[in-house]
Amino acid sequence: MGGNPAKSQRVEAVVLVHGLWMTGAEMHVLGGRLEESGFRVRYFRYRSWRGDLTQAAEALRAFVEATEGERVHLVGHSLGGVVIAKMLEEGAHSRPGRVAMLGSPMGGSAAARIVSRRRFGRWLVGGVIREGIVEHTPRWPGGRDLFVVAGDIPLGSGLLLGLPKPHDGVVLVEETRVEGARNVTVRASHVGLLLSRKVASILSGHFRAG
């Protein structure tokens, strides 16, 4: 009658980390669906354009440490996944949990490299992209279960830049792949990854499985 009290009171949190030129508001559809699945959702915001990758990673660590929950899972969209990887590369936080990346260019970004060839383009992509993706290739340090989701609907600036398919309009599918992770591709564009019910279901299953 009433089940297992310890299990019923278990609280798991999910921290959502947005991408470039975003404020975090774009993550609320995904966040709402994760809340419907029983997760406590928190939104981490950082200066994705004029900021600094290392500072963003340090701020994320402090945010995660302050987040309540028996486990704290992390979801990074696009550049947000690179910020998560940087945080873990600098030293793991103390909270147990899993990680998911949505359209994150962990293998570098052809689009960012093309745009950065011109002075205006370098200004446009900002410091976090230059430090984290253009000047260095992101590195996944391991130590956490990682699920990588890529999209293959080519809707975005990638069409104008002539990116080779498959891509999500911004990031090539092959650029999202991380060795040792579970890598899947869904029918979604770069922004569409945040709106997809299938993606929300995938994340919920990934976090519940551990």
Protein backbone atom coordinates (compact mmCIF):
# COMPACT_ATOMS: atom_id res chain seq x y z
CA MET A 1 0.00 0.00 0.00
CA GLY A 2 1.84 3.26 -0.78
CA GLY A 3 4.84 1.51 -2.42
CA ASN A 4 8.47 2.07 -1.56
CA PRO A 5 8.80 5.45 0.28
CA ALA A 6 12.45 5.87 -0.69
CA LYS A 7 11.68 5.30 -4.36
CA SER A 8 8.59 7.53 -4.38
CA GLN A 9 10.53 10.42 -2.81
CA ARG A 10 13.47 10.15 -5.18
CA VAL A 11 13.96 13.45 -6.95
CA GLU A 12 15.94 13.65 -10.16
CA ALA A 13 16.83 16.98 -11.70
CA VAL A 14 17.71 17.89 -15.27
CA VAL A 15 19.80 20.96 -16.08
CA LEU A 16 19.25 22.31 -19.60
CA VAL A 17 22.10 24.25 -21.25
CA HIS A 18 21.22 26.36 -24.30
CA GLY A 19 23.27 27.04 -27.42
CA LEU A 20 24.63 30.07 -29.28
CA TRP A 21 22.48 33.23 -29.57
CA MET A 22 19.95 31.72 -27.18
CA THR A 23 18.74 32.77 -23.73
CA GLY A 24 17.40 29.52 -22.35
CA ALA A 25 13.77 30.34 -23.14
CA GLU A 26 14.09 28.15 -26.24
CA MET A 27 14.53 25.13 -23.97
CA HIS A 28 11.15 25.45 -22.22
CA VAL A 29 9.16 23.16 -24.53
CA LEU A 30 11.65 20.36 -23.91
CA GLY A 31 11.82 21.27 -20.23
CA GLY A 32 8.05 21.11 -19.88
CA ARG A 33 7.94 17.62 -21.37
CA LEU A 34 10.68 16.43 -19.02
CA GLU A 35 8.73 17.89 -16.09
CA GLU A 36 5.68 15.93 -17.25
CA SER A 37 7.88 12.82 -17.00
CA GLY A 38 8.62 13.61 -13.36
CA PHE A 39 11.94 15.45 -13.54
CA ARG A 40 12.75 18.70 -11.78
CA VAL A 41 14.03 20.96 -14.57
CA ARG A 42 16.46 23.84 -14.17
CA TYR A 43 17.66 26.23 -16.88
CA PHE A 44 21.30 27.34 -16.96
CA ARG A 45 21.95 30.63 -18.74
CA TYR A 46 25.30 32.00 -19.85
CA ARG A 47 26.73 34.55 -22.29
CA SER A 48 26.93 32.35 -25.36
CA TRP A 49 28.13 35.05 -27.76
CA ARG A 50 30.27 37.60 -25.94
CA GLY A 51 31.28 35.29 -23.10
CA ASP A 52 34.17 32.94 -22.36
CA LEU A 53 34.02 29.14 -22.55
CA THR A 54 36.02 28.51 -19.38
CA GLN A 55 33.94 30.98 -17.39
CA ALA A 56 30.74 29.42 -18.70
CA ALA A 57 31.98 25.96 -17.67
CA GLU A 58 32.88 27.18 -14.18
CA ALA A 59 29.51 28.87 -13.78
CA LEU A 60 27.77 25.67 -14.91
CA ARG A 61 29.67 23.65 -12.30
CA ALA A 62 28.50 25.99 -9.54
CA PHE A 63 24.94 25.84 -10.89
CA VAL A 64 24.94 22.03 -10.94
CA GLU A 65 26.36 21.79 -7.42
CA ALA A 66 23.57 24.07 -6.17
CA THR A 67 20.80 22.11 -7.92
CA GLU A 68 18.71 19.94 -5.62
CA GLY A 69 18.13 16.33 -6.57
CA GLU A 70 19.36 12.83 -5.83
CA ARG A 71 20.80 12.83 -9.34
CA VAL A 72 21.41 15.79 -11.64
CA HIS A 73 21.36 15.02 -15.36
CA LEU A 74 22.68 17.42 -18.00
CA VAL A 75 21.31 18.24 -21.46
CA GLY A 76 23.26 20.49 -23.81
CA HIS A 77 21.86 21.79 -27.08
CA SER A 78 24.44 22.72 -29.71
CA LEU A 79 27.12 24.87 -28.01
CA GLY A 80 25.60 23.89 -24.66
CA GLY A 81 26.99 20.38 -25.08
CA VAL A 82 30.47 21.84 -25.60
CA VAL A 83 30.12 23.83 -22.37
CA ILE A 84 29.16 20.64 -20.51
CA ALA A 85 32.14 18.78 -21.98
CA LYS A 86 34.47 21.62 -20.98
CA MET A 87 33.13 21.56 -17.43
CA LEU A 88 33.70 17.82 -17.11
CA GLU A 89 37.12 18.06 -18.77
CA GLU A 90 38.22 20.58 -16.14
CA GLY A 91 37.12 18.21 -13.37
CA ALA A 92 33.95 16.27 -12.65
CA HIS A 93 31.32 17.80 -10.39
CA SER A 94 30.18 15.80 -7.37
CA ARG A 95 26.59 15.14 -8.45
CA PRO A 96 25.75 11.76 -10.00
CA GLY A 97 23.82 11.80 -13.25
CA ARG A 98 23.85 11.22 -16.99
CA VAL A 99 24.53 13.52 -19.94
CA ALA A 100 22.77 14.07 -23.27
CA MET A 101 23.80 16.27 -26.18
CA LEU A 102 21.48 17.53 -28.91
CA GLY A 103 23.15 18.64 -32.12
CA SER A 104 26.40 19.49 -30.35
CA PRO A 105 29.44 19.85 -32.66
CA MET A 106 31.81 17.69 -30.63
CA GLY A 107 33.77 16.91 -33.79
CA GLY A 108 34.19 20.56 -34.70
CA SER A 109 31.97 22.69 -36.91
CA ALA A 110 32.38 23.18 -40.64
CA ALA A 111 29.79 25.97 -40.51
CA ALA A 112 31.68 27.87 -37.80
CA ARG A 113 34.97 27.48 -39.66
CA ILE A 114 33.46 28.80 -42.89
CA VAL A 115 31.83 31.79 -41.20
CA SER A 116 34.98 32.58 -39.18
CA ARG A 117 37.08 33.09 -42.30
CA ARG A 118 35.85 36.67 -42.48
CA ARG A 119 36.23 39.38 -39.87
CA PHE A 120 32.49 39.94 -39.56
CA GLY A 121 32.00 36.19 -39.25
CA ARG A 122 34.48 35.96 -36.38
CA TRP A 123 32.55 38.70 -34.61
CA LEU A 124 29.27 36.96 -35.39
CA VAL A 125 30.18 33.58 -33.88
CA GLY A 126 31.63 35.12 -30.73
CA GLY A 127 34.29 34.09 -28.25
CA VAL A 128 32.76 30.89 -26.86
CA ILE A 129 32.45 29.32 -30.32
CA ARG A 130 35.95 30.42 -31.33
CA GLU A 131 37.53 29.04 -28.17
CA GLY A 132 35.48 25.88 -27.95
CA ILE A 133 35.01 24.80 -31.56
CA VAL A 134 37.00 26.81 -34.13
CA GLU A 135 40.39 27.08 -32.40
CA HIS A 136 40.12 23.73 -30.59
CA THR A 137 38.17 20.53 -31.13
CA PRO A 138 35.90 19.75 -28.17
CA ARG A 139 36.87 16.73 -26.10
CA TRP A 140 34.56 14.37 -24.27
CA PRO A 141 36.42 13.30 -21.11
CA GLY A 142 34.24 10.27 -20.40
CA GLY A 143 33.26 9.17 -16.94
CA ARG A 144 29.53 9.69 -17.53
CA ASP A 145 26.91 7.86 -19.57
CA LEU A 146 26.41 9.95 -22.70
CA PHE A 147 23.56 9.92 -25.21
CA VAL A 148 24.06 11.92 -28.42
CA VAL A 149 21.13 12.95 -30.61
CA ALA A 150 21.66 14.38 -34.10
CA GLY A 151 19.08 15.77 -36.51
CA ASP A 152 18.99 15.25 -40.28
CA ILE A 153 16.45 17.78 -41.55
CA PRO A 154 18.67 20.36 -43.33
CA LEU A 155 16.75 23.49 -42.36
CA GLY A 156 19.02 26.42 -41.53
CA SER A 157 22.15 28.33 -42.51
CA GLY A 158 23.86 25.12 -43.62
CA LEU A 159 21.91 25.30 -46.88
CA LEU A 160 23.44 28.68 -47.68
CA LEU A 161 26.91 27.50 -46.66
CA GLY A 162 26.70 24.39 -48.84
CA LEU A 163 27.23 21.91 -46.02
CA PRO A 164 27.30 18.26 -47.14
CA LYS A 165 24.31 16.22 -46.04
CA PRO A 166 23.23 14.79 -43.70
CA HIS A 167 23.01 17.77 -41.37
CA ASP A 168 20.40 19.54 -39.26
CA GLY A 169 20.80 22.89 -40.98
CA VAL A 170 23.72 23.92 -38.77
CA VAL A 171 25.71 20.87 -37.63
CA LEU A 172 26.69 17.81 -39.67
CA VAL A 173 25.50 14.49 -38.26
CA GLU A 174 29.10 13.22 -38.27
CA GLU A 175 30.19 16.27 -36.24
CA THR A 176 27.93 15.24 -33.36
CA ARG A 177 29.33 11.73 -32.99
CA VAL A 178 31.23 10.86 -29.81
CA GLU A 179 33.17 7.62 -29.49
CA GLY A 180 31.89 5.47 -26.65
CA ALA A 181 28.53 7.25 -26.50
CA ARG A 182 25.19 6.04 -27.76
CA ASN A 183 24.68 8.02 -30.97
CA VAL A 184 21.28 8.27 -32.69
CA THR A 185 19.80 10.36 -35.50
CA VAL A 186 16.21 11.63 -35.57
CA ARG A 187 14.13 13.51 -38.13
CA ALA A 188 14.57 17.05 -36.84
CA SER A 189 16.30 20.30 -37.66
CA HIS A 190 18.78 21.98 -35.32
CA VAL A 191 16.12 23.97 -33.47
CA GLY A 192 13.59 21.20 -34.03
CA LEU A 193 15.59 18.95 -31.70
CA LEU A 194 14.24 21.11 -28.86
CA LEU A 195 10.63 20.74 -30.02
CA SER A 196 10.58 17.02 -30.81
CA ARG A 197 8.44 14.78 -28.61
CA LYS A 198 10.61 11.87 -29.69
CA VAL A 199 13.73 13.59 -28.38
CA ALA A 200 12.04 14.31 -25.05
CA SER A 201 11.04 10.64 -24.80
CA ILE A 202 14.59 9.52 -25.64
CA LEU A 203 16.04 11.73 -22.91
CA SER A 204 13.53 10.59 -20.32
CA GLY A 205 14.34 6.95 -21.06
CA HIS A 206 18.09 7.60 -20.97
CA PHE A 207 17.91 9.29 -17.57
CA ARG A 208 15.55 6.71 -16.06
CA ALA A 209 17.71 3.79 -17.22
CA GLY A 210 20.73 4.64 -15.05
